[in-house]
């Protein structure tokens, strides 16, 4: 699993890139960084780019659920970008866990996702 996080402060945009399988241990590194950005900048826009993403371990799924419930009002928009058909369903799956506007984009439409989430 690898990930990167980039903050575009002028837009309150947090860009997270994920590859491989998200584990509880790696989620434990990722979550505090996201929480700190929420604390510093308030409501965020989130661009999640998944390339060769293989999902979550059970432990990471539980950590993700807890995070979603804790921060369900802290995101204005969520753009999910992926390269697998099942990832498209994540946009629908995420809706009950956030007040953010959510939209899925194929990886070939990354520029469109970036433009939409910054609007």
PDB file of N, CA and C in Angstrom:
ATOM      1  N   UNK A   1       0.850  -1.179   0.000  1.00  0.00           N
ATOM      2  CA  UNK A   1       0.000   0.000   0.000  1.00  0.00           C
ATOM      3  C   UNK A   1       0.878   1.219   0.000  1.00  0.00           C
ATOM      4  N   UNK A   2       0.526   2.157  -0.853  1.00  0.00           N
ATOM      5  CA  UNK A   2       1.174   3.453  -0.796  1.00  0.00           C
ATOM      6  C   UNK A   2       0.103   4.521  -0.915  1.00  0.00           C
ATOM      7  N   UNK A   3       0.431   5.687  -0.395  1.00  0.00           N
ATOM      8  CA  UNK A   3      -0.487   6.806  -0.479  1.00  0.00           C
ATOM      9  C   UNK A   3       0.306   8.101  -0.473  1.00  0.00           C
ATOM     10  N   UNK A   4      -0.332   9.141  -0.929  1.00  0.00           N
ATOM     11  CA  UNK A   4       0.228  10.485  -0.810  1.00  0.00           C
ATOM     12  C   UNK A   4      -0.922  11.430  -0.505  1.00  0.00           C
ATOM     13  N   UNK A   5      -0.583  12.493   0.197  1.00  0.00           N
ATOM     14  CA  UNK A   5      -1.567  13.506   0.560  1.00  0.00           C
ATOM     15  C   UNK A   5      -1.006  14.861   0.158  1.00  0.00           C
ATOM     16  N   UNK A   6      -1.790  15.632  -0.565  1.00  0.00           N
ATOM     17  CA  UNK A   6      -1.404  16.992  -0.936  1.00  0.00           C
ATOM     18  C   UNK A   6      -2.529  17.932  -0.571  1.00  0.00           C
ATOM     19  N   UNK A   7      -2.178  19.028   0.089  1.00  0.00           N
ATOM     20  CA  UNK A   7      -3.161  20.044   0.444  1.00  0.00           C
ATOM     21  C   UNK A   7      -3.001  21.230  -0.482  1.00  0.00           C
ATOM     22  N   UNK A   8      -4.106  21.642  -1.053  1.00  0.00           N
ATOM     23  CA  UNK A   8      -4.156  22.851  -1.871  1.00  0.00           C
ATOM     24  C   UNK A   8      -4.949  23.857  -1.044  1.00  0.00           C
ATOM     25  N   UNK A   9      -4.246  24.555  -0.149  1.00  0.00           N
ATOM     26  CA  UNK A   9      -4.876  25.411   0.849  1.00  0.00           C
ATOM     27  C   UNK A   9      -5.761  26.501   0.294  1.00  0.00           C
ATOM     28  N   UNK A  10      -5.404  27.028  -0.870  1.00  0.00           N
ATOM     29  CA  UNK A  10      -6.208  28.106  -1.448  1.00  0.00           C
ATOM     30  C   UNK A  10      -7.631  27.645  -1.773  1.00  0.00           C
ATOM     31  N   UNK A  11      -7.819  26.365  -1.980  1.00  0.00           N
ATOM     32  CA  UNK A  11      -9.139  25.818  -2.301  1.00  0.00           C
ATOM     33  C   UNK A  11      -9.686  24.923  -1.190  1.00  0.00           C
ATOM     34  N   UNK A  12      -8.990  24.832  -0.060  1.00  0.00           N
ATOM     35  CA  UNK A  12      -9.361  23.877   0.994  1.00  0.00           C
ATOM     36  C   UNK A  12      -9.520  22.477   0.417  1.00  0.00           C
ATOM     37  N   UNK A  13      -8.646  22.140  -0.513  1.00  0.00           N
ATOM     38  CA  UNK A  13      -8.714  20.864  -1.219  1.00  0.00           C
ATOM     39  C   UNK A  13      -7.634  19.925  -0.700  1.00  0.00           C
ATOM     40  N   UNK A  14      -8.039  18.754  -0.304  1.00  0.00           N
ATOM     41  CA  UNK A  14      -7.125  17.704   0.116  1.00  0.00           C
ATOM     42  C   UNK A  14      -7.170  16.612  -0.941  1.00  0.00           C
ATOM     43  N   UNK A  15      -6.017  16.327  -1.540  1.00  0.00           N
ATOM     44  CA  UNK A  15      -5.912  15.297  -2.573  1.00  0.00           C
ATOM     45  C   UNK A  15      -5.205  14.083  -1.980  1.00  0.00           C
ATOM     46  N   UNK A  16      -5.874  12.931  -2.023  1.00  0.00           N
ATOM     47  CA  UNK A  16      -5.322  11.694  -1.481  1.00  0.00           C
ATOM     48  C   UNK A  16      -5.219  10.689  -2.614  1.00  0.00           C
ATOM     49  N   UNK A  17      -4.023  10.146  -2.810  1.00  0.00           N
ATOM     50  CA  UNK A  17      -3.809   9.119  -3.830  1.00  0.00           C
ATOM     51  C   UNK A  17      -3.531   7.799  -3.133  1.00  0.00           C
ATOM     52  N   UNK A  18      -4.259   6.760  -3.548  1.00  0.00           N
ATOM     53  CA  UNK A  18      -4.145   5.442  -2.928  1.00  0.00           C
ATOM     54  C   UNK A  18      -3.839   4.382  -3.978  1.00  0.00           C
ATOM     55  N   UNK A  19      -2.911   3.487  -3.651  1.00  0.00           N
ATOM     56  CA  UNK A  19      -2.658   2.298  -4.467  1.00  0.00           C
ATOM     57  C   UNK A  19      -2.495   1.110  -3.522  1.00  0.00           C
ATOM     58  N   UNK A  20      -2.808  -0.063  -4.008  1.00  0.00           N
ATOM     59  CA  UNK A  20      -2.680  -1.268  -3.186  1.00  0.00           C
ATOM     60  C   UNK A  20      -3.858  -1.433  -2.243  1.00  0.00           C
ATOM     61  N   UNK A  21      -3.632  -2.099  -1.123  1.00  0.00           N
ATOM     62  CA  UNK A  21      -4.689  -2.387  -0.149  1.00  0.00           C
ATOM     63  C   UNK A  21      -4.462  -1.543   1.093  1.00  0.00           C
ATOM     64  N   UNK A  22      -5.498  -0.826   1.509  1.00  0.00           N
ATOM     65  CA  UNK A  22      -5.430   0.040   2.676  1.00  0.00           C
ATOM     66  C   UNK A  22      -5.535  -0.808   3.941  1.00  0.00           C
ATOM     67  N   UNK A  23      -4.526  -0.715   4.791  1.00  0.00           N
ATOM     68  CA  UNK A  23      -4.500  -1.477   6.038  1.00  0.00           C
ATOM     69  C   UNK A  23      -4.825  -0.570   7.215  1.00  0.00           C
ATOM     70  N   UNK A  24      -5.139  -1.173   8.328  1.00  0.00           N
ATOM     71  CA  UNK A  24      -5.415  -0.428   9.553  1.00  0.00           C
ATOM     72  C   UNK A  24      -4.205   0.419   9.943  1.00  0.00           C
ATOM     73  N   UNK A  25      -3.021  -0.126   9.820  1.00  0.00           N
ATOM     74  CA  UNK A  25      -1.797   0.583  10.191  1.00  0.00           C
ATOM     75  C   UNK A  25      -1.573   1.812   9.315  1.00  0.00           C
ATOM     76  N   UNK A  26      -1.782   1.664   8.019  1.00  0.00           N
ATOM     77  CA  UNK A  26      -1.606   2.815   7.130  1.00  0.00           C
ATOM     78  C   UNK A  26      -2.735   3.826   7.319  1.00  0.00           C
ATOM     79  N   UNK A  27      -3.930   3.343   7.615  1.00  0.00           N
ATOM     80  CA  UNK A  27      -5.039   4.255   7.886  1.00  0.00           C
ATOM     81  C   UNK A  27      -4.738   5.070   9.144  1.00  0.00           C
ATOM     82  N   UNK A  28      -4.078   4.450  10.122  1.00  0.00           N
ATOM     83  CA  UNK A  28      -3.704   5.151  11.350  1.00  0.00           C
ATOM     84  C   UNK A  28      -2.741   6.304  11.057  1.00  0.00           C
ATOM     85  N   UNK A  29      -1.943   6.201  10.001  1.00  0.00           N
ATOM     86  CA  UNK A  29      -1.065   7.302   9.584  1.00  0.00           C
ATOM     87  C   UNK A  29      -1.850   8.371   8.829  1.00  0.00           C
ATOM     88  N   UNK A  30      -2.772   7.939   8.007  1.00  0.00           N
ATOM     89  CA  UNK A  30      -3.521   8.844   7.136  1.00  0.00           C
ATOM     90  C   UNK A  30      -4.552   9.678   7.902  1.00  0.00           C
ATOM     91  N   UNK A  31      -5.281   9.057   8.793  1.00  0.00           N
ATOM     92  CA  UNK A  31      -6.390   9.718   9.484  1.00  0.00           C
ATOM     93  C   UNK A  31      -5.970  10.964  10.260  1.00  0.00           C
ATOM     94  N   UNK A  32      -4.888  10.951  11.047  1.00  0.00           N
ATOM     95  CA  UNK A  32      -4.521  12.167  11.782  1.00  0.00           C
ATOM     96  C   UNK A  32      -4.149  13.345  10.876  1.00  0.00           C
ATOM     97  N   UNK A  33      -3.566  13.051   9.724  1.00  0.00           N
ATOM     98  CA  UNK A  33      -3.223  14.117   8.777  1.00  0.00           C
ATOM     99  C   UNK A  33      -4.492  14.783   8.264  1.00  0.00           C
ATOM    100  N   UNK A  34      -5.476  13.985   7.896  1.00  0.00           N
ATOM    101  CA  UNK A  34      -6.750  14.520   7.418  1.00  0.00           C
ATOM    102  C   UNK A  34      -7.446  15.298   8.530  1.00  0.00           C
ATOM    103  N   UNK A  35      -7.468  14.749   9.734  1.00  0.00           N
ATOM    104  CA  UNK A  35      -8.111  15.420  10.865  1.00  0.00           C
ATOM    105  C   UNK A  35      -7.450  16.757  11.165  1.00  0.00           C
ATOM    106  N   UNK A  36      -6.132  16.827  11.048  1.00  0.00           N
ATOM    107  CA  UNK A  36      -5.419  18.090  11.280  1.00  0.00           C
ATOM    108  C   UNK A  36      -5.794  19.137  10.242  1.00  0.00           C
ATOM    109  N   UNK A  37      -5.951  18.714   8.994  1.00  0.00           N
ATOM    110  CA  UNK A  37      -6.338  19.669   7.946  1.00  0.00           C
ATOM    111  C   UNK A  37      -7.750  20.199   8.182  1.00  0.00           C
ATOM    112  N   UNK A  38      -8.630  19.339   8.655  1.00  0.00           N
ATOM    113  CA  UNK A  38      -9.992  19.780   8.987  1.00  0.00           C
ATOM    114  C   UNK A  38      -9.934  20.798  10.113  1.00  0.00           C
ATOM    115  N   UNK A  39      -9.126  20.522  11.106  1.00  0.00           N
ATOM    116  CA  UNK A  39      -8.993  21.436  12.242  1.00  0.00           C
ATOM    117  C   UNK A  39      -8.444  22.791  11.792  1.00  0.00           C
ATOM    118  N   UNK A  40      -7.456  22.775  10.895  1.00  0.00           N
ATOM    119  CA  UNK A  40      -6.810  24.008  10.450  1.00  0.00           C
ATOM    120  C   UNK A  40      -7.642  24.797   9.440  1.00  0.00           C
ATOM    121  N   UNK A  41      -8.292  24.114   8.496  1.00  0.00           N
ATOM    122  CA  UNK A  41      -8.949  24.791   7.388  1.00  0.00           C
ATOM    123  C   UNK A  41     -10.472  24.737   7.428  1.00  0.00           C
ATOM    124  N   UNK A  42     -11.036  23.958   8.322  1.00  0.00           N
ATOM    125  CA  UNK A  42     -12.488  23.820   8.356  1.00  0.00           C
ATOM    126  C   UNK A  42     -12.959  22.824   7.322  1.00  0.00           C
ATOM    127  N   UNK A  43     -14.124  23.069   6.769  1.00  0.00           N
ATOM    128  CA  UNK A  43     -14.722  22.149   5.791  1.00  0.00           C
ATOM    129  C   UNK A  43     -13.812  22.010   4.577  1.00  0.00           C
ATOM    130  N   UNK A  44     -13.544  20.768   4.197  1.00  0.00           N
ATOM    131  CA  UNK A  44     -12.625  20.481   3.098  1.00  0.00           C
ATOM    132  C   UNK A  44     -13.349  19.937   1.875  1.00  0.00           C
ATOM    133  N   UNK A  45     -12.672  20.076   0.755  1.00  0.00           N
ATOM    134  CA  UNK A  45     -13.036  19.367  -0.469  1.00  0.00           C
ATOM    135  C   UNK A  45     -12.019  18.238  -0.578  1.00  0.00           C
ATOM    136  N   UNK A  46     -12.472  17.060  -0.953  1.00  0.00           N
ATOM    137  CA  UNK A  46     -11.612  15.889  -0.967  1.00  0.00           C
ATOM    138  C   UNK A  46     -11.608  15.256  -2.354  1.00  0.00           C
ATOM    139  N   UNK A  47     -10.413  15.081  -2.886  1.00  0.00           N
ATOM    140  CA  UNK A  47     -10.209  14.398  -4.165  1.00  0.00           C
ATOM    141  C   UNK A  47      -9.448  13.113  -3.855  1.00  0.00           C
ATOM    142  N   UNK A  48     -10.110  11.974  -4.006  1.00  0.00           N
ATOM    143  CA  UNK A  48      -9.492  10.677  -3.731  1.00  0.00           C
ATOM    144  C   UNK A  48      -9.234   9.987  -5.062  1.00  0.00           C
ATOM    145  N   UNK A  49      -7.957   9.743  -5.343  1.00  0.00           N
ATOM    146  CA  UNK A  49      -7.547   9.102  -6.590  1.00  0.00           C
ATOM    147  C   UNK A  49      -7.061   7.697  -6.256  1.00  0.00           C
ATOM    148  N   UNK A  50      -7.769   6.693  -6.790  1.00  0.00           N
ATOM    149  CA  UNK A  50      -7.430   5.294  -6.550  1.00  0.00           C
ATOM    150  C   UNK A  50      -6.945   4.677  -7.852  1.00  0.00           C
ATOM    151  N   UNK A  51      -5.676   4.323  -7.869  1.00  0.00           N
ATOM    152  CA  UNK A  51      -5.123   3.687  -9.052  1.00  0.00           C
ATOM    153  C   UNK A  51      -4.493   2.369  -8.607  1.00  0.00           C
ATOM    154  N   UNK A  52      -4.927   1.291  -9.200  1.00  0.00           N
ATOM    155  CA  UNK A  52      -4.523  -0.046  -8.777  1.00  0.00           C
ATOM    156  C   UNK A  52      -4.859  -0.251  -7.292  1.00  0.00           C
ATOM    157  N   UNK A  53      -6.001   0.298  -6.877  1.00  0.00           N
ATOM    158  CA  UNK A  53      -6.463   0.185  -5.498  1.00  0.00           C
ATOM    159  C   UNK A  53      -7.137  -1.167  -5.326  1.00  0.00           C
ATOM    160  N   UNK A  54      -6.807  -1.866  -4.240  1.00  0.00           N
ATOM    161  CA  UNK A  54      -7.319  -3.218  -4.022  1.00  0.00           C
ATOM    162  C   UNK A  54      -8.238  -3.319  -2.817  1.00  0.00           C
ATOM    163  N   UNK A  55      -8.694  -2.162  -2.313  1.00  0.00           N
ATOM    164  CA  UNK A  55      -9.663  -2.178  -1.232  1.00  0.00           C
ATOM    165  C   UNK A  55      -9.036  -2.040   0.140  1.00  0.00           C
ATOM    166  N   UNK A  56      -9.798  -2.464   1.140  1.00  0.00           N
ATOM    167  CA  UNK A  56      -9.428  -2.312   2.531  1.00  0.00           C
ATOM    168  C   UNK A  56      -9.321  -3.670   3.199  1.00  0.00           C
ATOM    169  N   UNK A  57      -8.478  -3.739   4.218  1.00  0.00           N
ATOM    170  CA  UNK A  57      -8.541  -4.873   5.131  1.00  0.00           C
ATOM    171  C   UNK A  57      -9.726  -4.615   6.055  1.00  0.00           C
ATOM    172  N   UNK A  58     -10.168  -5.618   6.791  1.00  0.00           N
ATOM    173  CA  UNK A  58     -11.289  -5.430   7.726  1.00  0.00           C
ATOM    174  C   UNK A  58     -10.974  -4.352   8.754  1.00  0.00           C
ATOM    175  N   UNK A  59      -9.757  -4.347   9.277  1.00  0.00           N
ATOM    176  CA  UNK A  59      -9.361  -3.346  10.266  1.00  0.00           C
ATOM    177  C   UNK A  59      -9.407  -1.939   9.707  1.00  0.00           C
ATOM    178  N   UNK A  60      -8.953  -1.763   8.473  1.00  0.00           N
ATOM    179  CA  UNK A  60      -8.985  -0.440   7.838  1.00  0.00           C
ATOM    180  C   UNK A  60     -10.421  -0.014   7.554  1.00  0.00           C
ATOM    181  N   UNK A  61     -11.267  -0.945   7.179  1.00  0.00           N
ATOM    182  CA  UNK A  61     -12.677  -0.631   6.930  1.00  0.00           C
ATOM    183  C   UNK A  61     -13.332  -0.096   8.201  1.00  0.00           C
ATOM    184  N   UNK A  62     -13.041  -0.715   9.328  1.00  0.00           N
ATOM    185  CA  UNK A  62     -13.599  -0.262  10.598  1.00  0.00           C
ATOM    186  C   UNK A  62     -13.086   1.146  10.940  1.00  0.00           C
ATOM    187  N   UNK A  63     -11.792   1.387  10.747  1.00  0.00           N
ATOM    188  CA  UNK A  63     -11.228   2.716  11.011  1.00  0.00           C
ATOM    189  C   UNK A  63     -11.861   3.761  10.092  1.00  0.00           C
ATOM    190  N   UNK A  64     -12.091   3.398   8.849  1.00  0.00           N
ATOM    191  CA  UNK A  64     -12.715   4.302   7.892  1.00  0.00           C
ATOM    192  C   UNK A  64     -14.143   4.630   8.318  1.00  0.00           C
ATOM    193  N   UNK A  65     -14.876   3.655   8.772  1.00  0.00           N
ATOM    194  CA  UNK A  65     -16.258   3.872   9.221  1.00  0.00           C
ATOM    195  C   UNK A  65     -16.284   4.813  10.415  1.00  0.00           C
ATOM    196  N   UNK A  66     -15.401   4.603  11.379  1.00  0.00           N
ATOM    197  CA  UNK A  66     -15.341   5.486  12.552  1.00  0.00           C
ATOM    198  C   UNK A  66     -14.998   6.915  12.137  1.00  0.00           C
ATOM    199  N   UNK A  67     -14.045   7.056  11.210  1.00  0.00           N
ATOM    200  CA  UNK A  67     -13.657   8.376  10.728  1.00  0.00           C
ATOM    201  C   UNK A  67     -14.830   9.067  10.030  1.00  0.00           C
ATOM    202  N   UNK A  68     -15.531   8.330   9.181  1.00  0.00           N
ATOM    203  CA  UNK A  68     -16.677   8.893   8.456  1.00  0.00           C
ATOM    204  C   UNK A  68     -17.742   9.403   9.422  1.00  0.00           C
ATOM    205  N   UNK A  69     -18.034   8.644  10.455  1.00  0.00           N
ATOM    206  CA  UNK A  69     -19.047   9.064  11.420  1.00  0.00           C
ATOM    207  C   UNK A  69     -18.599  10.290  12.210  1.00  0.00           C
ATOM    208  N   UNK A  70     -17.333  10.351  12.534  1.00  0.00           N
ATOM    209  CA  UNK A  70     -16.794  11.485  13.291  1.00  0.00           C
ATOM    210  C   UNK A  70     -16.781  12.764  12.455  1.00  0.00           C
ATOM    211  N   UNK A  71     -16.483  12.646  11.173  1.00  0.00           N
ATOM    212  CA  UNK A  71     -16.284  13.821  10.316  1.00  0.00           C
ATOM    213  C   UNK A  71     -17.351  13.958   9.230  1.00  0.00           C
ATOM    214  N   UNK A  72     -18.526  13.438   9.441  1.00  0.00           N
ATOM    215  CA  UNK A  72     -19.515  13.387   8.366  1.00  0.00           C
ATOM    216  C   UNK A  72     -19.952  14.764   7.877  1.00  0.00           C
ATOM    217  N   UNK A  73     -19.751  15.835   8.648  1.00  0.00           N
ATOM    218  CA  UNK A  73     -20.104  17.197   8.219  1.00  0.00           C
ATOM    219  C   UNK A  73     -18.882  18.025   7.816  1.00  0.00           C
ATOM    220  N   UNK A  74     -17.698  17.435   7.808  1.00  0.00           N
ATOM    221  CA  UNK A  74     -16.459  18.183   7.604  1.00  0.00           C
ATOM    222  C   UNK A  74     -15.993  18.269   6.155  1.00  0.00           C
ATOM    223  N   UNK A  75     -16.755  17.683   5.240  1.00  0.00           N
ATOM    224  CA  UNK A  75     -16.372  17.718   3.828  1.00  0.00           C
ATOM    225  C   UNK A  75     -17.487  18.355   3.007  1.00  0.00           C
ATOM    226  N   UNK A  76     -17.093  19.286   2.146  1.00  0.00           N
ATOM    227  CA  UNK A  76     -18.046  19.963   1.278  1.00  0.00           C
ATOM    228  C   UNK A  76     -18.317  19.143   0.011  1.00  0.00           C
ATOM    229  N   UNK A  77     -17.241  18.630  -0.580  1.00  0.00           N
ATOM    230  CA  UNK A  77     -17.339  17.825  -1.802  1.00  0.00           C
ATOM    231  C   UNK A  77     -16.358  16.667  -1.716  1.00  0.00           C
ATOM    232  N   UNK A  78     -16.735  15.573  -2.375  1.00  0.00           N
ATOM    233  CA  UNK A  78     -15.882  14.399  -2.465  1.00  0.00           C
ATOM    234  C   UNK A  78     -15.896  13.904  -3.902  1.00  0.00           C
ATOM    235  N   UNK A  79     -14.745  14.003  -4.563  1.00  0.00           N
ATOM    236  CA  UNK A  79     -14.589  13.456  -5.907  1.00  0.00           C
ATOM    237  C   UNK A  79     -13.805  12.154  -5.770  1.00  0.00           C
ATOM    238  N   UNK A  80     -14.396  11.065  -6.231  1.00  0.00           N
ATOM    239  CA  UNK A  80     -13.755   9.751  -6.191  1.00  0.00           C
ATOM    240  C   UNK A  80     -13.332   9.415  -7.618  1.00  0.00           C
ATOM    241  N   UNK A  81     -12.040   9.141  -7.792  1.00  0.00           N
ATOM    242  CA  UNK A  81     -11.486   8.838  -9.109  1.00  0.00           C
ATOM    243  C   UNK A  81     -10.909   7.432  -9.046  1.00  0.00           C
ATOM    244  N   UNK A  82     -11.312   6.583  -9.982  1.00  0.00           N
ATOM    245  CA  UNK A  82     -10.840   5.205  -9.944  1.00  0.00           C
ATOM    246  C   UNK A  82     -10.636   4.600 -11.315  1.00  0.00           C
ATOM    247  N   UNK A  83     -10.044   3.408 -11.299  1.00  0.00           N
ATOM    248  CA  UNK A  83      -9.781   2.703 -12.553  1.00  0.00           C
ATOM    249  C   UNK A  83     -10.431   1.321 -12.597  1.00  0.00           C
ATOM    250  N   UNK A  84     -11.377   1.079 -11.653  1.00  0.00           N
ATOM    251  CA  UNK A  84     -12.096  -0.198 -11.626  1.00  0.00           C
ATOM    252  C   UNK A  84     -13.592   0.067 -11.513  1.00  0.00           C
ATOM    253  N   UNK A  85     -14.376  -0.780 -12.119  1.00  0.00           N
ATOM    254  CA  UNK A  85     -15.832  -0.616 -12.139  1.00  0.00           C
ATOM    255  C   UNK A  85     -16.436  -0.588 -10.729  1.00  0.00           C
ATOM    256  N   UNK A  86     -15.958  -1.443  -9.815  1.00  0.00           N
ATOM    257  CA  UNK A  86     -16.542  -1.497  -8.471  1.00  0.00           C
ATOM    258  C   UNK A  86     -16.337  -0.194  -7.706  1.00  0.00           C
ATOM    259  N   UNK A  87     -15.304   0.568  -8.042  1.00  0.00           N
ATOM    260  CA  UNK A  87     -15.036   1.827  -7.341  1.00  0.00           C
ATOM    261  C   UNK A  87     -16.129   2.861  -7.607  1.00  0.00           C
ATOM    262  N   UNK A  88     -16.785   2.749  -8.748  1.00  0.00           N
ATOM    263  CA  UNK A  88     -17.882   3.660  -9.068  1.00  0.00           C
ATOM    264  C   UNK A  88     -18.997   3.545  -8.026  1.00  0.00           C
ATOM    265  N   UNK A  89     -19.249   2.351  -7.546  1.00  0.00           N
ATOM    266  CA  UNK A  89     -20.276   2.145  -6.536  1.00  0.00           C
ATOM    267  C   UNK A  89     -19.954   2.788  -5.201  1.00  0.00           C
ATOM    268  N   UNK A  90     -18.704   3.132  -4.980  1.00  0.00           N
ATOM    269  CA  UNK A  90     -18.320   3.769  -3.723  1.00  0.00           C
ATOM    270  C   UNK A  90     -18.982   5.133  -3.555  1.00  0.00           C
ATOM    271  N   UNK A  91     -19.245   5.820  -4.652  1.00  0.00           N
ATOM    272  CA  UNK A  91     -19.906   7.127  -4.565  1.00  0.00           C
ATOM    273  C   UNK A  91     -21.287   6.973  -3.939  1.00  0.00           C
ATOM    274  N   UNK A  92     -22.001   5.943  -4.319  1.00  0.00           N
ATOM    275  CA  UNK A  92     -23.323   5.680  -3.739  1.00  0.00           C
ATOM    276  C   UNK A  92     -23.193   5.172  -2.309  1.00  0.00           C
ATOM    277  N   UNK A  93     -22.242   4.288  -2.071  1.00  0.00           N
ATOM    278  CA  UNK A  93     -22.040   3.717  -0.741  1.00  0.00           C
ATOM    279  C   UNK A  93     -21.695   4.799   0.292  1.00  0.00           C
ATOM    280  N   UNK A  94     -20.933   5.809  -0.100  1.00  0.00           N
ATOM    281  CA  UNK A  94     -20.465   6.854   0.829  1.00  0.00           C
ATOM    282  C   UNK A  94     -21.555   7.845   1.239  1.00  0.00           C
ATOM    283  N   UNK A  95     -22.604   7.990   0.458  1.00  0.00           N
ATOM    284  CA  UNK A  95     -23.606   9.038   0.695  1.00  0.00           C
ATOM    285  C   UNK A  95     -24.203   9.051   2.098  1.00  0.00           C
ATOM    286  N   UNK A  96     -24.538   7.923   2.705  1.00  0.00           N
ATOM    287  CA  UNK A  96     -25.116   7.984   4.051  1.00  0.00           C
ATOM    288  C   UNK A  96     -24.121   8.431   5.133  1.00  0.00           C
ATOM    289  N   UNK A  97     -22.829   8.446   4.801  1.00  0.00           N
ATOM    290  CA  UNK A  97     -21.803   8.739   5.799  1.00  0.00           C
ATOM    291  C   UNK A  97     -21.268  10.169   5.742  1.00  0.00           C
ATOM    292  N   UNK A  98     -21.844  11.005   4.894  1.00  0.00           N
ATOM    293  CA  UNK A  98     -21.345  12.369   4.755  1.00  0.00           C
ATOM    294  C   UNK A  98     -22.440  13.290   4.233  1.00  0.00           C
ATOM    295  N   UNK A  99     -22.275  14.572   4.508  1.00  0.00           N
ATOM    296  CA  UNK A  99     -23.176  15.577   3.939  1.00  0.00           C
ATOM    297  C   UNK A  99     -22.577  16.164   2.654  1.00  0.00           C
ATOM    298  N   UNK A 100     -21.397  15.705   2.273  1.00  0.00           N
ATOM    299  CA  UNK A 100     -20.706  16.217   1.089  1.00  0.00           C
ATOM    300  C   UNK A 100     -21.428  15.830  -0.198  1.00  0.00           C
ATOM    301  N   UNK A 101     -21.263  16.672  -1.223  1.00  0.00           N
ATOM    302  CA  UNK A 101     -21.677  16.293  -2.573  1.00  0.00           C
ATOM    303  C   UNK A 101     -20.621  15.320  -3.074  1.00  0.00           C
ATOM    304  N   UNK A 102     -21.074  14.194  -3.649  1.00  0.00           N
ATOM    305  CA  UNK A 102     -20.159  13.134  -4.066  1.00  0.00           C
ATOM    306  C   UNK A 102     -20.351  12.839  -5.548  1.00  0.00           C
ATOM    307  N   UNK A 103     -19.220  12.655  -6.225  1.00  0.00           N
ATOM    308  CA  UNK A 103     -19.286  12.301  -7.641  1.00  0.00           C
ATOM    309  C   UNK A 103     -18.100  11.397  -7.981  1.00  0.00           C
ATOM    310  N   UNK A 104     -18.363  10.389  -8.818  1.00  0.00           N
ATOM    311  CA  UNK A 104     -17.329   9.458  -9.275  1.00  0.00           C
ATOM    312  C   UNK A 104     -16.853   9.857 -10.668  1.00  0.00           C
ATOM    313  N   UNK A 105     -15.537   9.693 -10.894  1.00  0.00           N
ATOM    314  CA  UNK A 105     -14.921   9.934 -12.201  1.00  0.00           C
ATOM    315  C   UNK A 105     -13.986   8.785 -12.532  1.00  0.00           C
ATOM    316  N   UNK A 106     -13.993   8.358 -13.782  1.00  0.00           N
ATOM    317  CA  UNK A 106     -13.008   7.395 -14.248  1.00  0.00           C
ATOM    318  C   UNK A 106     -11.642   8.079 -14.239  1.00  0.00           C
ATOM    319  N   UNK A 107     -10.586   7.291 -14.075  1.00  0.00           N
ATOM    320  CA  UNK A 107      -9.228   7.823 -14.013  1.00  0.00           C
ATOM    321  C   UNK A 107      -8.882   8.657 -15.249  1.00  0.00           C
ATOM    322  N   UNK A 108      -9.482   8.343 -16.376  1.00  0.00           N
ATOM    323  CA  UNK A 108      -9.223   9.112 -17.597  1.00  0.00           C
ATOM    324  C   UNK A 108      -9.819  10.518 -17.517  1.00  0.00           C
ATOM    325  N   UNK A 109     -10.661  10.763 -16.534  1.00  0.00           N
ATOM    326  CA  UNK A 109     -11.323  12.065 -16.346  1.00  0.00           C
ATOM    327  C   UNK A 109     -10.810  12.782 -15.096  1.00  0.00           C
ATOM    328  N   UNK A 110      -9.561  12.528 -14.729  1.00  0.00           N
ATOM    329  CA  UNK A 110      -8.993  13.134 -13.533  1.00  0.00           C
ATOM    330  C   UNK A 110      -9.055  14.656 -13.574  1.00  0.00           C
ATOM    331  N   UNK A 111      -8.778  15.256 -14.716  1.00  0.00           N
ATOM    332  CA  UNK A 111      -8.841  16.720 -14.831  1.00  0.00           C
ATOM    333  C   UNK A 111     -10.264  17.224 -14.577  1.00  0.00           C
ATOM    334  N   UNK A 112     -11.267  16.491 -15.063  1.00  0.00           N
ATOM    335  CA  UNK A 112     -12.665  16.869 -14.820  1.00  0.00           C
ATOM    336  C   UNK A 112     -13.003  16.772 -13.327  1.00  0.00           C
ATOM    337  N   UNK A 113     -12.501  15.738 -12.666  1.00  0.00           N
ATOM    338  CA  UNK A 113     -12.733  15.574 -11.237  1.00  0.00           C
ATOM    339  C   UNK A 113     -12.115  16.728 -10.457  1.00  0.00           C
ATOM    340  N   UNK A 114     -10.918  17.086 -10.827  1.00  0.00           N
ATOM    341  CA  UNK A 114     -10.218  18.189 -10.163  1.00  0.00           C
ATOM    342  C   UNK A 114     -10.998  19.500 -10.348  1.00  0.00           C
ATOM    343  N   UNK A 115     -11.462  19.755 -11.560  1.00  0.00           N
ATOM    344  CA  UNK A 115     -12.244  20.974 -11.821  1.00  0.00           C
ATOM    345  C   UNK A 115     -13.547  20.966 -11.040  1.00  0.00           C
ATOM    346  N   UNK A 116     -14.248  19.822 -11.010  1.00  0.00           N
ATOM    347  CA  UNK A 116     -15.548  19.746 -10.308  1.00  0.00           C
ATOM    348  C   UNK A 116     -15.384  19.973  -8.812  1.00  0.00           C
ATOM    349  N   UNK A 117     -14.392  19.341  -8.210  1.00  0.00           N
ATOM    350  CA  UNK A 117     -14.252  19.435  -6.763  1.00  0.00           C
ATOM    351  C   UNK A 117     -13.818  20.855  -6.339  1.00  0.00           C
ATOM    352  N   UNK A 118     -13.175  21.589  -7.226  1.00  0.00           N
ATOM    353  CA  UNK A 118     -12.729  22.961  -6.909  1.00  0.00           C
ATOM    354  C   UNK A 118     -13.835  23.998  -7.122  1.00  0.00           C
ATOM    355  N   UNK A 119     -14.909  23.662  -7.834  1.00  0.00           N
ATOM    356  CA  UNK A 119     -15.994  24.622  -8.107  1.00  0.00           C
ATOM    357  C   UNK A 119     -16.545  25.216  -6.841  1.00  0.00           C
TER     358      UNK A 119
END
